[in-house]
Structure formats: structure tokens, C-alpha cells
PDB file of N, CA and C in Angstrom:
ATOM      1  N   MET A   1       8.805 -26.198   7.319  1.00  0.00           N
ATOM      2  CA  MET A   1       8.355 -25.408   8.431  1.00  0.00           C
ATOM      3  C   MET A   1       7.224 -24.501   7.943  1.00  0.00           C
ATOM      4  N   ALA A   2       6.035 -24.679   8.461  1.00  0.00           N
ATOM      5  CA  ALA A   2       4.883 -23.882   8.085  1.00  0.00           C
ATOM      6  C   ALA A   2       4.797 -22.638   8.962  1.00  0.00           C
ATOM      7  N   VAL A   3       4.456 -21.531   8.334  1.00  0.00           N
ATOM      8  CA  VAL A   3       4.293 -20.274   9.061  1.00  0.00           C
ATOM      9  C   VAL A   3       2.832 -19.879   8.968  1.00  0.00           C
ATOM     10  N   SER A   4       2.253 -19.560  10.097  1.00  0.00           N
ATOM     11  CA  SER A   4       0.856 -19.160  10.136  1.00  0.00           C
ATOM     12  C   SER A   4       0.770 -17.668  10.456  1.00  0.00           C
ATOM     13  N   ILE A   5       0.017 -16.948   9.649  1.00  0.00           N
ATOM     14  CA  ILE A   5      -0.170 -15.516   9.863  1.00  0.00           C
ATOM     15  C   ILE A   5      -1.645 -15.269  10.109  1.00  0.00           C
ATOM     16  N   HIS A   6      -1.926 -14.534  11.165  1.00  0.00           N
ATOM     17  CA  HIS A   6      -3.307 -14.210  11.522  1.00  0.00           C
ATOM     18  C   HIS A   6      -3.453 -12.693  11.524  1.00  0.00           C
ATOM     19  N   LEU A   7      -4.341 -12.160  10.686  1.00  0.00           N
ATOM     20  CA  LEU A   7      -4.573 -10.724  10.613  1.00  0.00           C
ATOM     21  C   LEU A   7      -5.875 -10.374  11.310  1.00  0.00           C
ATOM     22  N   GLU A   8      -5.840  -9.305  12.097  1.00  0.00           N
ATOM     23  CA  GLU A   8      -7.044  -8.821  12.764  1.00  0.00           C
ATOM     24  C   GLU A   8      -7.212  -7.341  12.472  1.00  0.00           C
ATOM     25  N   ARG A   9      -8.441  -6.944  12.188  1.00  0.00           N
ATOM     26  CA  ARG A   9      -8.733  -5.530  11.963  1.00  0.00           C
ATOM     27  C   ARG A   9      -8.722  -4.808  13.302  1.00  0.00           C
ATOM     28  N   ARG A  10      -8.052  -3.662  13.330  1.00  0.00           N
ATOM     29  CA  ARG A  10      -8.043  -2.843  14.540  1.00  0.00           C
ATOM     30  C   ARG A  10      -9.306  -1.996  14.540  1.00  0.00           C
ATOM     31  N   LEU A  11     -10.063  -2.056  15.620  1.00  0.00           N
ATOM     32  CA  LEU A  11     -11.284  -1.269  15.693  1.00  0.00           C
ATOM     33  C   LEU A  11     -10.973   0.211  15.881  1.00  0.00           C
ATOM     34  N   ASN A  12     -10.010   0.511  16.706  1.00  0.00           N
ATOM     35  CA  ASN A  12      -9.614   1.896  16.964  1.00  0.00           C
ATOM     36  C   ASN A  12      -8.096   2.005  16.914  1.00  0.00           C
ATOM     37  N   PRO A  13      -7.532   2.175  15.713  1.00  0.00           N
ATOM     38  CA  PRO A  13      -6.073   2.295  15.640  1.00  0.00           C
ATOM     39  C   PRO A  13      -5.617   3.569  16.348  1.00  0.00           C
ATOM     40  N   PRO A  14      -4.403   3.556  16.885  1.00  0.00           N
ATOM     41  CA  PRO A  14      -3.895   4.745  17.564  1.00  0.00           C
ATOM     42  C   PRO A  14      -3.829   5.944  16.614  1.00  0.00           C
ATOM     43  N   LEU A  15      -3.971   7.136  17.177  1.00  0.00           N
ATOM     44  CA  LEU A  15      -3.966   8.363  16.380  1.00  0.00           C
ATOM     45  C   LEU A  15      -2.694   8.484  15.551  1.00  0.00           C
ATOM     46  N   GLY A  16      -1.564   8.144  16.150  1.00  0.00           N
ATOM     47  CA  GLY A  16      -0.300   8.228  15.421  1.00  0.00           C
ATOM     48  C   GLY A  16      -0.300   7.363  14.178  1.00  0.00           C
ATOM     49  N   MET A  17      -0.899   6.183  14.265  1.00  0.00           N
ATOM     50  CA  MET A  17      -0.952   5.283  13.113  1.00  0.00           C
ATOM     51  C   MET A  17      -1.925   5.815  12.067  1.00  0.00           C
ATOM     52  N   ARG A  18      -3.035   6.404  12.509  1.00  0.00           N
ATOM     53  CA  ARG A  18      -4.008   6.944  11.560  1.00  0.00           C
ATOM     54  C   ARG A  18      -3.437   8.123  10.784  1.00  0.00           C
ATOM     55  N   ILE A  19      -2.443   8.786  11.347  1.00  0.00           N
ATOM     56  CA  ILE A  19      -1.805   9.904  10.656  1.00  0.00           C
ATOM     57  C   ILE A  19      -0.587   9.426   9.870  1.00  0.00           C
ATOM     58  N   ALA A  20       0.227   8.570  10.483  1.00  0.00           N
ATOM     59  CA  ALA A  20       1.503   8.173   9.885  1.00  0.00           C
ATOM     60  C   ALA A  20       1.335   7.322   8.627  1.00  0.00           C
ATOM     61  N   VAL A  21       0.359   6.445   8.600  1.00  0.00           N
ATOM     62  CA  VAL A  21       0.208   5.543   7.447  1.00  0.00           C
ATOM     63  C   VAL A  21      -0.130   6.315   6.166  1.00  0.00           C
ATOM     64  N   PRO A  22      -1.121   7.214   6.165  1.00  0.00           N
ATOM     65  CA  PRO A  22      -1.372   7.969   4.930  1.00  0.00           C
ATOM     66  C   PRO A  22      -0.211   8.887   4.538  1.00  0.00           C
ATOM     67  N   VAL A  23       0.436   9.498   5.532  1.00  0.00           N
ATOM     68  CA  VAL A  23       1.577  10.370   5.226  1.00  0.00           C
ATOM     69  C   VAL A  23       2.705   9.550   4.604  1.00  0.00           C
ATOM     70  N   ALA A  24       2.980   8.380   5.170  1.00  0.00           N
ATOM     71  CA  ALA A  24       4.027   7.510   4.626  1.00  0.00           C
ATOM     72  C   ALA A  24       3.676   7.060   3.210  1.00  0.00           C
ATOM     73  N   ALA A  25       2.393   6.807   2.946  1.00  0.00           N
ATOM     74  CA  ALA A  25       1.976   6.388   1.609  1.00  0.00           C
ATOM     75  C   ALA A  25       2.195   7.509   0.590  1.00  0.00           C
ATOM     76  N   VAL A  26       1.873   8.738   0.967  1.00  0.00           N
ATOM     77  CA  VAL A  26       2.081   9.875   0.061  1.00  0.00           C
ATOM     78  C   VAL A  26       3.571  10.079  -0.203  1.00  0.00           C
ATOM     79  N   VAL A  27       4.375  10.021   0.860  1.00  0.00           N
ATOM     80  CA  VAL A  27       5.824  10.193   0.699  1.00  0.00           C
ATOM     81  C   VAL A  27       6.393   9.085  -0.187  1.00  0.00           C
ATOM     82  N   ALA A  28       5.966   7.844   0.039  1.00  0.00           N
ATOM     83  CA  ALA A  28       6.457   6.730  -0.778  1.00  0.00           C
ATOM     84  C   ALA A  28       6.062   6.923  -2.241  1.00  0.00           C
ATOM     85  N   GLY A  29       4.850   7.406  -2.485  1.00  0.00           N
ATOM     86  CA  GLY A  29       4.415   7.665  -3.856  1.00  0.00           C
ATOM     87  C   GLY A  29       5.225   8.761  -4.524  1.00  0.00           C
ATOM     88  N   LEU A  30       5.513   9.823  -3.773  1.00  0.00           N
ATOM     89  CA  LEU A  30       6.331  10.906  -4.327  1.00  0.00           C
ATOM     90  C   LEU A  30       7.751  10.436  -4.622  1.00  0.00           C
ATOM     91  N   VAL A  31       8.301   9.626  -3.736  1.00  0.00           N
ATOM     92  CA  VAL A  31       9.652   9.098  -3.955  1.00  0.00           C
ATOM     93  C   VAL A  31       9.666   8.172  -5.172  1.00  0.00           C
ATOM     94  N   ALA A  32       8.683   7.276  -5.269  1.00  0.00           N
ATOM     95  CA  ALA A  32       8.625   6.359  -6.411  1.00  0.00           C
ATOM     96  C   ALA A  32       8.465   7.139  -7.715  1.00  0.00           C
ATOM     97  N   GLY A  33       7.593   8.143  -7.708  1.00  0.00           N
ATOM     98  CA  GLY A  33       7.429   8.976  -8.897  1.00  0.00           C
ATOM     99  C   GLY A  33       8.691   9.739  -9.237  1.00  0.00           C
ATOM    100  N   GLY A  34       9.395  10.216  -8.206  1.00  0.00           N
ATOM    101  CA  GLY A  34      10.651  10.922  -8.424  1.00  0.00           C
ATOM    102  C   GLY A  34      11.704  10.037  -9.050  1.00  0.00           C
ATOM    103  N   VAL A  35      11.752   8.788  -8.610  1.00  0.00           N
ATOM    104  CA  VAL A  35      12.710   7.840  -9.193  1.00  0.00           C
ATOM    105  C   VAL A  35      12.380   7.603 -10.662  1.00  0.00           C
ATOM    106  N   ILE A  36      11.107   7.422 -10.959  1.00  0.00           N
ATOM    107  CA  ILE A  36      10.697   7.194 -12.353  1.00  0.00           C
ATOM    108  C   ILE A  36      11.020   8.416 -13.213  1.00  0.00           C
ATOM    109  N   LEU A  37      10.739   9.613 -12.682  1.00  0.00           N
ATOM    110  CA  LEU A  37      11.068  10.829 -13.429  1.00  0.00           C
ATOM    111  C   LEU A  37      12.571  10.949 -13.659  1.00  0.00           C
ATOM    112  N   ALA A  38      13.356  10.660 -12.622  1.00  0.00           N
ATOM    113  CA  ALA A  38      14.817  10.746 -12.746  1.00  0.00           C
ATOM    114  C   ALA A  38      15.342   9.737 -13.759  1.00  0.00           C
ATOM    115  N   LEU A  39      14.783   8.535 -13.753  1.00  0.00           N
ATOM    116  CA  LEU A  39      15.206   7.531 -14.730  1.00  0.00           C
ATOM    117  C   LEU A  39      14.860   7.956 -16.154  1.00  0.00           C
ATOM    118  N   GLY A  40      13.808   8.759 -16.280  1.00  0.00           N
ATOM    119  CA  GLY A  40      13.426   9.269 -17.593  1.00  0.00           C
ATOM    120  C   GLY A  40      14.212  10.501 -18.008  1.00  0.00           C
ATOM    121  N   GLY A  41      15.144  10.933 -17.159  1.00  0.00           N
ATOM    122  CA  GLY A  41      15.983  12.068 -17.513  1.00  0.00           C
ATOM    123  C   GLY A  41      15.421  13.420 -17.132  1.00  0.00           C
ATOM    124  N   HIS A  42      14.421  13.453 -16.256  1.00  0.00           N
ATOM    125  CA  HIS A  42      13.806  14.711 -15.837  1.00  0.00           C
ATOM    126  C   HIS A  42      14.179  15.018 -14.394  1.00  0.00           C
ATOM    127  N   ASP A  43      14.193  16.296 -14.048  1.00  0.00           N
ATOM    128  CA  ASP A  43      14.443  16.703 -12.672  1.00  0.00           C
ATOM    129  C   ASP A  43      13.134  16.556 -11.891  1.00  0.00           C
ATOM    130  N   PRO A  44      13.076  15.662 -10.894  1.00  0.00           N
ATOM    131  CA  PRO A  44      11.827  15.442 -10.159  1.00  0.00           C
ATOM    132  C   PRO A  44      11.301  16.696  -9.465  1.00  0.00           C
ATOM    133  N   ILE A  45      12.192  17.523  -8.920  1.00  0.00           N
ATOM    134  CA  ILE A  45      11.744  18.735  -8.231  1.00  0.00           C
ATOM    135  C   ILE A  45      11.078  19.690  -9.215  1.00  0.00           C
ATOM    136  N   ASP A  46      11.695  19.896 -10.368  1.00  0.00           N
ATOM    137  CA  ASP A  46      11.094  20.763 -11.391  1.00  0.00           C
ATOM    138  C   ASP A  46       9.771  20.189 -11.892  1.00  0.00           C
ATOM    139  N   ALA A  47       9.719  18.881 -12.072  1.00  0.00           N
ATOM    140  CA  ALA A  47       8.493  18.249 -12.563  1.00  0.00           C
ATOM    141  C   ALA A  47       7.364  18.392 -11.548  1.00  0.00           C
ATOM    142  N   TYR A  48       7.658  18.123 -10.275  1.00  0.00           N
ATOM    143  CA  TYR A  48       6.625  18.262  -9.241  1.00  0.00           C
ATOM    144  C   TYR A  48       6.206  19.720  -9.082  1.00  0.00           C
ATOM    145  N   ASN A  49       7.158  20.639  -9.197  1.00  0.00           N
ATOM    146  CA  ASN A  49       6.821  22.057  -9.110  1.00  0.00           C
ATOM    147  C   ASN A  49       5.901  22.464 -10.260  1.00  0.00           C
ATOM    148  N   SER A  50       6.186  21.982 -11.456  1.00  0.00           N
ATOM    149  CA  SER A  50       5.335  22.286 -12.613  1.00  0.00           C
ATOM    150  C   SER A  50       3.936  21.707 -12.437  1.00  0.00           C
ATOM    151  N   MET A  51       3.859  20.488 -11.904  1.00  0.00           N
ATOM    152  CA  MET A  51       2.544  19.879 -11.664  1.00  0.00           C
ATOM    153  C   MET A  51       1.758  20.677 -10.634  1.00  0.00           C
ATOM    154  N   TRP A  52       2.451  21.107  -9.566  1.00  0.00           N
ATOM    155  CA  TRP A  52       1.793  21.872  -8.503  1.00  0.00           C
ATOM    156  C   TRP A  52       1.292  23.211  -9.051  1.00  0.00           C
ATOM    157  N   GLU A  53       2.175  23.925  -9.757  1.00  0.00           N
ATOM    158  CA  GLU A  53       1.798  25.229 -10.301  1.00  0.00           C
ATOM    159  C   GLU A  53       0.692  25.101 -11.348  1.00  0.00           C
ATOM    160  N   GLY A  54       0.747  24.063 -12.154  1.00  0.00           N
ATOM    161  CA  GLY A  54      -0.265  23.883 -13.184  1.00  0.00           C
ATOM    162  C   GLY A  54      -1.628  23.522 -12.632  1.00  0.00           C
ATOM    163  N   SER A  55      -1.653  22.786 -11.521  1.00  0.00           N
ATOM    164  CA  SER A  55      -2.939  22.345 -10.984  1.00  0.00           C
ATOM    165  C   SER A  55      -3.487  23.265  -9.904  1.00  0.00           C
ATOM    166  N   LEU A  56      -2.629  23.905  -9.125  1.00  0.00           N
ATOM    167  CA  LEU A  56      -3.100  24.732  -8.013  1.00  0.00           C
ATOM    168  C   LEU A  56      -2.511  26.135  -8.019  1.00  0.00           C
ATOM    169  N   GLY A  57      -1.809  26.510  -9.075  1.00  0.00           N
ATOM    170  CA  GLY A  57      -1.123  27.791  -9.107  1.00  0.00           C
ATOM    171  C   GLY A  57      -1.984  28.970  -9.512  1.00  0.00           C
ATOM    172  N   SER A  58      -3.167  28.715 -10.018  1.00  0.00           N
ATOM    173  CA  SER A  58      -4.056  29.803 -10.425  1.00  0.00           C
ATOM    174  C   SER A  58      -5.498  29.345 -10.257  1.00  0.00           C
ATOM    175  N   SER A  59      -6.415  30.303 -10.314  1.00  0.00           N
ATOM    176  CA  SER A  59      -7.827  29.928 -10.182  1.00  0.00           C
ATOM    177  C   SER A  59      -8.271  29.064 -11.363  1.00  0.00           C
ATOM    178  N   ASP A  60      -7.734  29.330 -12.549  1.00  0.00           N
ATOM    179  CA  ASP A  60      -8.065  28.493 -13.709  1.00  0.00           C
ATOM    180  C   ASP A  60      -7.539  27.075 -13.525  1.00  0.00           C
ATOM    181  N   GLY A  61      -6.331  26.956 -12.967  1.00  0.00           N
ATOM    182  CA  GLY A  61      -5.758  25.634 -12.712  1.00  0.00           C
ATOM    183  C   GLY A  61      -6.562  24.856 -11.694  1.00  0.00           C
ATOM    184  N   ILE A  62      -7.005  25.540 -10.649  1.00  0.00           N
ATOM    185  CA  ILE A  62      -7.826  24.876  -9.627  1.00  0.00           C
ATOM    186  C   ILE A  62      -9.144  24.426 -10.234  1.00  0.00           C
ATOM    187  N   GLU A  63      -9.755  25.293 -11.042  1.00  0.00           N
ATOM    188  CA  GLU A  63     -11.018  24.939 -11.687  1.00  0.00           C
ATOM    189  C   GLU A  63     -10.853  23.729 -12.599  1.00  0.00           C
ATOM    190  N   ALA A  64      -9.781  23.691 -13.357  1.00  0.00           N
ATOM    191  CA  ALA A  64      -9.543  22.564 -14.256  1.00  0.00           C
ATOM    192  C   ALA A  64      -9.248  21.288 -13.474  1.00  0.00           C
ATOM    193  N   THR A  65      -8.559  21.427 -12.338  1.00  0.00           N
ATOM    194  CA  THR A  65      -8.238  20.261 -11.521  1.00  0.00           C
ATOM    195  C   THR A  65      -9.493  19.671 -10.895  1.00  0.00           C
ATOM    196  N   LEU A  66     -10.364  20.542 -10.416  1.00  0.00           N
ATOM    197  CA  LEU A  66     -11.594  20.057  -9.783  1.00  0.00           C
ATOM    198  C   LEU A  66     -12.590  19.604 -10.819  1.00  0.00           C
TER     199      LEU A  66
END
């Protein structure tokens, strides 16, 4: 049994899709990273908090990040 799939580019995707897809991608990335951190024996919340504070927690951190 052959299955045929036809993909078409949407010229104007709905606003909800334009917002939901990137948000879902970020959430999926954070979850995947959290799983990897947890498997490595680290607390994902503490690790993400440290990354946030280190990159955006001070003017020096922001400068180094940019």
C-alpha cells in the first residue's frame, strides 16, 4: 500500500500558528535539555537559573552574551 504525501507552503499561516510553533519549539528544547541535565545528575531548574543569571543577570553578563 503506497502512501502519498503532498506538502504545500502556507502563504499566510494563522496568527495562532505563527505564535504557537516557535513557543512549542522553545518549550520542547527546554524540556529536552532538562532531561539531558537530569540524566547527567544535575537539577535542571538550578542549571537553567544559573544560565539565566550568568547571561542576563548583570550588565557584564549581557555584554558578554551579546
